[in-house]
All heavy atoms as atom14 arrays in JSON, in Angstrom:
{
  "sequence": "PEQVDLEELAACDLVGFGSGIFLMAFHPRLREFVRSLPKE",
  "atom14_mask": [
    [1, 1, 1, 1, 1, 1, 1, 0, 0, 0, 0, 0, 0, 0],
    [1, 1, 1, 1, 1, 1, 1, 1, 1, 0, 0, 0, 0, 0],
    [1, 1, 1, 1, 1, 1, 1, 1, 1, 0, 0, 0, 0, 0],
    [1, 1, 1, 1, 1, 1, 1, 0, 0, 0, 0, 0, 0, 0],
    [1, 1, 1, 1, 1, 1, 1, 1, 0, 0, 0, 0, 0, 0],
    [1, 1, 1, 1, 1, 1, 1, 1, 0, 0, 0, 0, 0, 0],
    [1, 1, 1, 1, 1, 1, 1, 1, 1, 0, 0, 0, 0, 0],
    [1, 1, 1, 1, 1, 1, 1, 1, 1, 0, 0, 0, 0, 0],
    [1, 1, 1, 1, 1, 1, 1, 1, 0, 0, 0, 0, 0, 0],
    [1, 1, 1, 1, 1, 0, 0, 0, 0, 0, 0, 0, 0, 0],
    [1, 1, 1, 1, 1, 0, 0, 0, 0, 0, 0, 0, 0, 0],
    [1, 1, 1, 1, 1, 1, 0, 0, 0, 0, 0, 0, 0, 0],
    [1, 1, 1, 1, 1, 1, 1, 1, 0, 0, 0, 0, 0, 0],
    [1, 1, 1, 1, 1, 1, 1, 1, 0, 0, 0, 0, 0, 0],
    [1, 1, 1, 1, 1, 1, 1, 0, 0, 0, 0, 0, 0, 0],
    [1, 1, 1, 1, 0, 0, 0, 0, 0, 0, 0, 0, 0, 0],
    [1, 1, 1, 1, 1, 1, 1, 1, 1, 1, 1, 0, 0, 0],
    [1, 1, 1, 1, 0, 0, 0, 0, 0, 0, 0, 0, 0, 0],
    [1, 1, 1, 1, 1, 1, 0, 0, 0, 0, 0, 0, 0, 0],
    [1, 1, 1, 1, 0, 0, 0, 0, 0, 0, 0, 0, 0, 0],
    [1, 1, 1, 1, 1, 1, 1, 1, 0, 0, 0, 0, 0, 0],
    [1, 1, 1, 1, 1, 1, 1, 1, 1, 1, 1, 0, 0, 0],
    [1, 1, 1, 1, 1, 1, 1, 1, 0, 0, 0, 0, 0, 0],
    [1, 1, 1, 1, 1, 1, 1, 1, 0, 0, 0, 0, 0, 0],
    [1, 1, 1, 1, 1, 0, 0, 0, 0, 0, 0, 0, 0, 0],
    [1, 1, 1, 1, 1, 1, 1, 1, 1, 1, 1, 0, 0, 0],
    [1, 1, 1, 1, 1, 1, 1, 1, 1, 1, 0, 0, 0, 0],
    [1, 1, 1, 1, 1, 1, 1, 0, 0, 0, 0, 0, 0, 0],
    [1, 1, 1, 1, 1, 1, 1, 1, 1, 1, 1, 0, 0, 0],
    [1, 1, 1, 1, 1, 1, 1, 1, 0, 0, 0, 0, 0, 0],
    [1, 1, 1, 1, 1, 1, 1, 1, 1, 1, 1, 0, 0, 0],
    [1, 1, 1, 1, 1, 1, 1, 1, 1, 0, 0, 0, 0, 0],
    [1, 1, 1, 1, 1, 1, 1, 1, 1, 1, 1, 0, 0, 0],
    [1, 1, 1, 1, 1, 1, 1, 0, 0, 0, 0, 0, 0, 0],
    [1, 1, 1, 1, 1, 1, 1, 1, 1, 1, 1, 0, 0, 0],
    [1, 1, 1, 1, 1, 1, 0, 0, 0, 0, 0, 0, 0, 0],
    [1, 1, 1, 1, 1, 1, 1, 1, 0, 0, 0, 0, 0, 0],
    [1, 1, 1, 1, 1, 1, 1, 0, 0, 0, 0, 0, 0, 0],
    [1, 1, 1, 1, 1, 1, 1, 1, 1, 0, 0, 0, 0, 0],
    [1, 1, 1, 1, 1, 1, 1, 1, 1, 0, 0, 0, 0, 0]
  ],
  "atom14_positions": [
    [[145.37, 113.77, 94.14], [146.15, 114.83, 94.78], [146.46, 115.99, 93.83], [146.45, 117.16, 94.24], [147.44, 114.12, 95.22], [147.02, 112.7, 95.43], [145.99, 112.45, 94.36], [0.0, 0.0, 0.0], [0.0, 0.0, 0.0], [0.0, 0.0, 0.0], [0.0, 0.0, 0.0], [0.0, 0.0, 0.0], [0.0, 0.0, 0.0], [0.0, 0.0, 0.0]],
    [[146.68, 115.66, 92.57], [147.02, 116.7, 91.59], [145.83, 117.6, 91.26], [146.01, 118.71, 90.77], [147.54, 116.04, 90.3], [148.82, 115.25, 90.47], [148.63, 113.85, 91.08], [147.47, 113.35, 91.15], [149.63, 113.26, 91.49], [0.0, 0.0, 0.0], [0.0, 0.0, 0.0], [0.0, 0.0, 0.0], [0.0, 0.0, 0.0], [0.0, 0.0, 0.0]],
    [[144.62, 117.16, 91.53], [143.42, 117.94, 91.25], [142.96, 118.79, 92.43], [142.02, 119.58, 92.28], [142.26, 117.0, 90.86], [142.49, 116.25, 89.57], [141.42, 115.19, 89.34], [141.06, 114.45, 90.25], [140.91, 115.12, 88.12], [0.0, 0.0, 0.0], [0.0, 0.0, 0.0], [0.0, 0.0, 0.0], [0.0, 0.0, 0.0], [0.0, 0.0, 0.0]],
    [[143.59, 118.66, 93.57], [143.14, 119.37, 94.77], [143.41, 120.86, 94.65], [144.53, 121.28, 94.34], [143.83, 118.81, 96.04], [143.51, 119.67, 97.25], [143.41, 117.38, 96.27], [0.0, 0.0, 0.0], [0.0, 0.0, 0.0], [0.0, 0.0, 0.0], [0.0, 0.0, 0.0], [0.0, 0.0, 0.0], [0.0, 0.0, 0.0], [0.0, 0.0, 0.0]],
    [[142.38, 121.64, 94.9], [142.49, 123.08, 95.02], [142.71, 123.34, 96.51], [141.85, 123.02, 97.34], [141.2, 123.74, 94.52], [141.21, 125.25, 94.69], [141.48, 125.74, 95.82], [140.91, 125.93, 93.71], [0.0, 0.0, 0.0], [0.0, 0.0, 0.0], [0.0, 0.0, 0.0], [0.0, 0.0, 0.0], [0.0, 0.0, 0.0], [0.0, 0.0, 0.0]],
    [[143.87, 123.91, 96.87], [144.21, 124.07, 98.28], [143.25, 124.98, 99.03], [143.0, 124.77, 100.22], [145.66, 124.54, 98.43], [146.72, 123.53, 97.98], [148.11, 124.09, 98.16], [146.56, 122.22, 98.73], [0.0, 0.0, 0.0], [0.0, 0.0, 0.0], [0.0, 0.0, 0.0], [0.0, 0.0, 0.0], [0.0, 0.0, 0.0], [0.0, 0.0, 0.0]],
    [[142.69, 125.98, 98.36], [141.7, 126.84, 99.03], [140.44, 126.05, 99.33], [139.85, 126.21, 100.4], [141.38, 128.05, 98.16], [142.47, 129.1, 98.16], [142.08, 130.33, 97.36], [140.86, 130.61, 97.2], [143.0, 131.02, 96.91], [0.0, 0.0, 0.0], [0.0, 0.0, 0.0], [0.0, 0.0, 0.0], [0.0, 0.0, 0.0], [0.0, 0.0, 0.0]],
    [[140.03, 125.21, 98.39], [138.84, 124.38, 98.61], [139.1, 123.37, 99.72], [138.25, 123.14, 100.58], [138.46, 123.65, 97.32], [137.14, 122.96, 97.39], [136.73, 122.34, 96.06], [137.16, 122.83, 95.0], [135.97, 121.35, 96.11], [0.0, 0.0, 0.0], [0.0, 0.0, 0.0], [0.0, 0.0, 0.0], [0.0, 0.0, 0.0], [0.0, 0.0, 0.0]],
    [[140.3, 122.79, 99.74], [140.67, 121.84, 100.79], [140.61, 122.52, 102.16], [140.08, 121.95, 103.12], [142.07, 121.28, 100.55], [142.57, 120.27, 101.58], [141.87, 118.93, 101.39], [144.07, 120.1, 101.45], [0.0, 0.0, 0.0], [0.0, 0.0, 0.0], [0.0, 0.0, 0.0], [0.0, 0.0, 0.0], [0.0, 0.0, 0.0], [0.0, 0.0, 0.0]],
    [[141.12, 123.74, 102.25], [141.12, 124.47, 103.52], [139.71, 124.76, 104.01], [139.48, 124.88, 105.22], [141.92, 125.76, 103.38], [0.0, 0.0, 0.0], [0.0, 0.0, 0.0], [0.0, 0.0, 0.0], [0.0, 0.0, 0.0], [0.0, 0.0, 0.0], [0.0, 0.0, 0.0], [0.0, 0.0, 0.0], [0.0, 0.0, 0.0], [0.0, 0.0, 0.0]],
    [[138.75, 124.84, 103.09], [137.37, 125.15, 103.46], [136.57, 123.91, 103.85], [135.44, 124.03, 104.31], [136.68, 125.86, 102.3], [0.0, 0.0, 0.0], [0.0, 0.0, 0.0], [0.0, 0.0, 0.0], [0.0, 0.0, 0.0], [0.0, 0.0, 0.0], [0.0, 0.0, 0.0], [0.0, 0.0, 0.0], [0.0, 0.0, 0.0], [0.0, 0.0, 0.0]],
    [[137.16, 122.74, 103.71], [136.43, 121.49, 103.99], [136.34, 121.22, 105.49], [137.29, 121.42, 106.24], [137.11, 120.31, 103.31], [136.83, 120.26, 101.53], [0.0, 0.0, 0.0], [0.0, 0.0, 0.0], [0.0, 0.0, 0.0], [0.0, 0.0, 0.0], [0.0, 0.0, 0.0], [0.0, 0.0, 0.0], [0.0, 0.0, 0.0], [0.0, 0.0, 0.0]],
    [[135.18, 120.71, 105.87], [134.96, 120.27, 107.24], [135.48, 118.85, 107.46], [135.86, 118.49, 108.56], [133.47, 120.29, 107.57], [132.85, 121.65, 107.35], [133.32, 122.62, 107.98], [131.91, 121.75, 106.54], [0.0, 0.0, 0.0], [0.0, 0.0, 0.0], [0.0, 0.0, 0.0], [0.0, 0.0, 0.0], [0.0, 0.0, 0.0], [0.0, 0.0, 0.0]],
    [[135.46, 118.06, 106.38], [135.86, 116.65, 106.44], [136.56, 116.28, 105.15], [136.06, 116.57, 104.06], [134.62, 115.77, 106.64], [134.85, 114.26, 106.67], [135.66, 113.86, 107.92], [133.51, 113.52, 106.66], [0.0, 0.0, 0.0], [0.0, 0.0, 0.0], [0.0, 0.0, 0.0], [0.0, 0.0, 0.0], [0.0, 0.0, 0.0], [0.0, 0.0, 0.0]],
    [[137.73, 115.63, 105.28], [138.49, 115.2, 104.1], [138.92, 113.75, 104.31], [139.44, 113.39, 105.36], [139.74, 116.08, 103.86], [140.47, 115.64, 102.58], [139.38, 117.55, 103.8], [0.0, 0.0, 0.0], [0.0, 0.0, 0.0], [0.0, 0.0, 0.0], [0.0, 0.0, 0.0], [0.0, 0.0, 0.0], [0.0, 0.0, 0.0], [0.0, 0.0, 0.0]],
    [[138.68, 112.94, 103.27], [139.14, 111.56, 103.28], [140.38, 111.43, 102.41], [140.47, 112.08, 101.36], [0.0, 0.0, 0.0], [0.0, 0.0, 0.0], [0.0, 0.0, 0.0], [0.0, 0.0, 0.0], [0.0, 0.0, 0.0], [0.0, 0.0, 0.0], [0.0, 0.0, 0.0], [0.0, 0.0, 0.0], [0.0, 0.0, 0.0], [0.0, 0.0, 0.0]],
    [[141.33, 110.62, 102.86], [142.56, 110.38, 102.11], [142.72, 108.88, 101.95], [142.73, 108.15, 102.96], [143.77, 110.93, 102.88], [143.76, 112.42, 103.04], [143.11, 113.02, 104.1], [144.41, 113.22, 102.11], [143.1, 114.4, 104.25], [144.41, 114.6, 102.26], [143.76, 115.2, 103.33], [0.0, 0.0, 0.0], [0.0, 0.0, 0.0], [0.0, 0.0, 0.0]],
    [[142.84, 108.39, 100.7], [142.92, 106.96, 100.53], [143.72, 106.52, 99.32], [143.88, 107.26, 98.35], [0.0, 0.0, 0.0], [0.0, 0.0, 0.0], [0.0, 0.0, 0.0], [0.0, 0.0, 0.0], [0.0, 0.0, 0.0], [0.0, 0.0, 0.0], [0.0, 0.0, 0.0], [0.0, 0.0, 0.0], [0.0, 0.0, 0.0], [0.0, 0.0, 0.0]],
    [[144.21, 105.28, 99.41], [144.91, 104.64, 98.3], [144.97, 103.15, 98.57], [144.61, 102.69, 99.64], [146.33, 105.21, 98.13], [147.23, 104.64, 99.07], [0.0, 0.0, 0.0], [0.0, 0.0, 0.0], [0.0, 0.0, 0.0], [0.0, 0.0, 0.0], [0.0, 0.0, 0.0], [0.0, 0.0, 0.0], [0.0, 0.0, 0.0], [0.0, 0.0, 0.0]],
    [[145.48, 102.45, 97.58], [145.84, 101.07, 97.82], [147.08, 101.05, 98.7], [147.77, 102.06, 98.85], [0.0, 0.0, 0.0], [0.0, 0.0, 0.0], [0.0, 0.0, 0.0], [0.0, 0.0, 0.0], [0.0, 0.0, 0.0], [0.0, 0.0, 0.0], [0.0, 0.0, 0.0], [0.0, 0.0, 0.0], [0.0, 0.0, 0.0], [0.0, 0.0, 0.0]],
    [[147.35, 99.89, 99.25], [148.53, 99.74, 100.12], [149.63, 99.05, 99.33], [149.41, 98.01, 98.71], [148.17, 98.95, 101.39], [147.12, 99.71, 102.2], [149.4, 98.65, 102.23], [147.54, 101.11, 102.66], [0.0, 0.0, 0.0], [0.0, 0.0, 0.0], [0.0, 0.0, 0.0], [0.0, 0.0, 0.0], [0.0, 0.0, 0.0], [0.0, 0.0, 0.0]],
    [[150.8, 99.64, 99.36], [151.96, 99.15, 98.64], [153.09, 98.95, 99.63], [153.54, 99.93, 100.24], [152.38, 100.14, 97.54], [151.29, 100.37, 96.53], [150.3, 101.32, 96.76], [151.23, 99.62, 95.36], [149.28, 101.53, 95.84], [150.22, 99.82, 94.44], [149.24, 100.77, 94.68], [0.0, 0.0, 0.0], [0.0, 0.0, 0.0], [0.0, 0.0, 0.0]],
    [[153.52, 97.71, 99.82], [154.58, 97.4, 100.79], [154.25, 97.97, 102.17], [155.06, 98.62, 102.81], [155.94, 97.89, 100.29], [156.4, 97.3, 98.96], [157.67, 97.98, 98.48], [156.63, 95.8, 99.09], [0.0, 0.0, 0.0], [0.0, 0.0, 0.0], [0.0, 0.0, 0.0], [0.0, 0.0, 0.0], [0.0, 0.0, 0.0], [0.0, 0.0, 0.0]],
    [[153.01, 97.74, 102.6], [152.52, 98.13, 103.93], [152.45, 99.65, 104.14], [152.51, 100.13, 105.27], [153.37, 97.49, 105.03], [153.3, 95.97, 105.03], [151.62, 95.32, 105.19], [151.18, 95.85, 106.83], [0.0, 0.0, 0.0], [0.0, 0.0, 0.0], [0.0, 0.0, 0.0], [0.0, 0.0, 0.0], [0.0, 0.0, 0.0], [0.0, 0.0, 0.0]],
    [[152.29, 100.41, 103.05], [152.18, 101.86, 103.17], [151.24, 102.4, 102.09], [151.04, 101.78, 101.05], [153.56, 102.51, 103.01], [0.0, 0.0, 0.0], [0.0, 0.0, 0.0], [0.0, 0.0, 0.0], [0.0, 0.0, 0.0], [0.0, 0.0, 0.0], [0.0, 0.0, 0.0], [0.0, 0.0, 0.0], [0.0, 0.0, 0.0], [0.0, 0.0, 0.0]],
    [[150.67, 103.57, 102.37], [149.85, 104.24, 101.37], [150.72, 104.59, 100.16], [151.94, 104.71, 100.27], [149.22, 105.5, 101.97], [148.03, 105.2, 102.84], [148.2, 104.93, 104.19], [146.75, 105.17, 102.32], [147.11, 104.64, 105.0], [145.65, 104.88, 103.12], [145.84, 104.61, 104.46], [0.0, 0.0, 0.0], [0.0, 0.0, 0.0], [0.0, 0.0, 0.0]],
    [[150.08, 104.82, 99.04], [150.8, 105.14, 97.81], [151.68, 106.38, 98.02], [151.25, 107.34, 98.67], [149.8, 105.38, 96.67], [150.44, 105.41, 95.33], [151.08, 106.51, 94.84], [150.55, 104.44, 94.39], [151.55, 106.24, 93.64], [151.25, 104.97, 93.35], [0.0, 0.0, 0.0], [0.0, 0.0, 0.0], [0.0, 0.0, 0.0], [0.0, 0.0, 0.0]],
    [[152.9, 106.38, 97.45], [153.8, 107.52, 97.64], [153.21, 108.86, 97.19], [153.47, 109.89, 97.81], [155.02, 107.16, 96.79], [154.98, 105.68, 96.66], [153.53, 105.29, 96.71], [0.0, 0.0, 0.0], [0.0, 0.0, 0.0], [0.0, 0.0, 0.0], [0.0, 0.0, 0.0], [0.0, 0.0, 0.0], [0.0, 0.0, 0.0], [0.0, 0.0, 0.0]],
    [[152.39, 108.88, 96.13], [151.79, 110.15, 95.68], [150.91, 110.75, 96.75], [150.9, 111.96, 96.96], [150.96, 109.93, 94.41], [151.76, 109.98, 93.15], [150.95, 109.71, 91.89], [149.66, 110.33, 91.81], [148.59, 109.75, 91.24], [148.67, 108.55, 90.73], [147.44, 110.4, 91.19], [0.0, 0.0, 0.0], [0.0, 0.0, 0.0], [0.0, 0.0, 0.0]],
    [[150.17, 109.9, 97.46], [149.29, 110.4, 98.52], [150.12, 110.88, 99.71], [149.87, 111.97, 100.25], [148.3, 109.31, 98.96], [147.25, 109.76, 99.98], [146.32, 110.81, 99.38], [146.46, 108.57, 100.48], [0.0, 0.0, 0.0], [0.0, 0.0, 0.0], [0.0, 0.0, 0.0], [0.0, 0.0, 0.0], [0.0, 0.0, 0.0], [0.0, 0.0, 0.0]],
    [[151.1, 110.09, 100.1], [151.95, 110.5, 101.24], [152.68, 111.81, 100.93], [152.75, 112.69, 101.79], [152.94, 109.39, 101.58], [152.28, 108.14, 102.11], [153.27, 107.11, 102.67], [154.57, 107.05, 102.05], [154.96, 106.11, 101.18], [154.15, 105.13, 100.84], [156.19, 106.13, 100.7], [0.0, 0.0, 0.0], [0.0, 0.0, 0.0], [0.0, 0.0, 0.0]],
    [[153.22, 111.95, 99.73], [153.94, 113.17, 99.37], [152.99, 114.38, 99.35], [153.37, 115.47, 99.76], [154.64, 113.02, 98.02], [155.88, 112.14, 98.09], [156.88, 112.63, 99.12], [157.17, 113.85, 99.18], [157.38, 111.79, 99.9], [0.0, 0.0, 0.0], [0.0, 0.0, 0.0], [0.0, 0.0, 0.0], [0.0, 0.0, 0.0], [0.0, 0.0, 0.0]],
    [[151.78, 114.17, 98.86], [150.8, 115.25, 98.85], [150.54, 115.75, 100.28], [150.58, 116.95, 100.54], [149.5, 114.81, 98.19], [148.4, 115.82, 98.34], [148.43, 117.01, 97.62], [147.35, 115.61, 99.23], [147.42, 117.95, 97.78], [146.35, 116.54, 99.39], [146.38, 117.72, 98.66], [0.0, 0.0, 0.0], [0.0, 0.0, 0.0], [0.0, 0.0, 0.0]],
    [[150.28, 114.83, 101.18], [150.0, 115.23, 102.57], [151.23, 115.91, 103.17], [151.1, 116.94, 103.84], [149.53, 114.03, 103.42], [149.39, 114.43, 104.88], [148.22, 113.47, 102.88], [0.0, 0.0, 0.0], [0.0, 0.0, 0.0], [0.0, 0.0, 0.0], [0.0, 0.0, 0.0], [0.0, 0.0, 0.0], [0.0, 0.0, 0.0], [0.0, 0.0, 0.0]],
    [[152.42, 115.37, 102.92], [153.64, 116.0, 103.44], [153.81, 117.43, 102.93], [154.36, 118.28, 103.62], [154.88, 115.18, 103.06], [155.1, 113.98, 103.91], [156.47, 113.35, 103.62], [156.5, 112.02, 104.16], [156.45, 110.89, 103.45], [156.43, 110.92, 102.14], [156.45, 109.73, 104.05], [0.0, 0.0, 0.0], [0.0, 0.0, 0.0], [0.0, 0.0, 0.0]],
    [[153.34, 117.68, 101.7], [153.54, 119.01, 101.09], [152.56, 120.06, 101.61], [152.75, 121.25, 101.36], [153.39, 118.9, 99.56], [152.03, 118.75, 99.19], [0.0, 0.0, 0.0], [0.0, 0.0, 0.0], [0.0, 0.0, 0.0], [0.0, 0.0, 0.0], [0.0, 0.0, 0.0], [0.0, 0.0, 0.0], [0.0, 0.0, 0.0], [0.0, 0.0, 0.0]],
    [[151.52, 119.64, 102.31], [150.54, 120.6, 102.81], [151.13, 121.48, 103.9], [151.86, 120.98, 104.77], [149.32, 119.87, 103.38], [148.45, 119.11, 102.39], [147.39, 118.3, 103.13], [147.82, 120.05, 101.39], [0.0, 0.0, 0.0], [0.0, 0.0, 0.0], [0.0, 0.0, 0.0], [0.0, 0.0, 0.0], [0.0, 0.0, 0.0], [0.0, 0.0, 0.0]],
    [[150.83, 122.77, 103.88], [151.29, 123.63, 104.98], [150.54, 123.27, 106.25], [149.39, 122.84, 106.21], [150.93, 125.04, 104.5], [149.86, 124.85, 103.48], [150.06, 123.5, 102.88], [0.0, 0.0, 0.0], [0.0, 0.0, 0.0], [0.0, 0.0, 0.0], [0.0, 0.0, 0.0], [0.0, 0.0, 0.0], [0.0, 0.0, 0.0], [0.0, 0.0, 0.0]],
    [[151.21, 123.43, 107.37], [150.56, 123.17, 108.66], [149.67, 124.36, 108.99], [150.11, 125.51, 108.99], [151.61, 122.98, 109.75], [150.98, 122.61, 111.07], [152.0, 122.36, 112.15], [151.27, 121.99, 113.43], [152.15, 121.7, 114.52], [0.0, 0.0, 0.0], [0.0, 0.0, 0.0], [0.0, 0.0, 0.0], [0.0, 0.0, 0.0], [0.0, 0.0, 0.0]],
    [[148.39, 124.06, 109.22], [147.43, 125.09, 109.6], [146.23, 124.4, 110.25], [146.1, 123.18, 110.17], [146.98, 125.92, 108.39], [146.37, 125.12, 107.28], [146.11, 125.97, 106.03], [147.05, 126.58, 105.5], [144.95, 125.99, 105.61], [0.0, 0.0, 0.0], [0.0, 0.0, 0.0], [0.0, 0.0, 0.0], [0.0, 0.0, 0.0], [0.0, 0.0, 0.0]]
  ]
}
């Protein structure tokens, strides 16, 4: 998540998001990254 260039992300046709599962949830770093994205 820390390496993502938001302009490059916006230009993607397909994006995969993944992590190990911790206490039945995706890793907090991944969840926080997705939460921080602007809605568009």
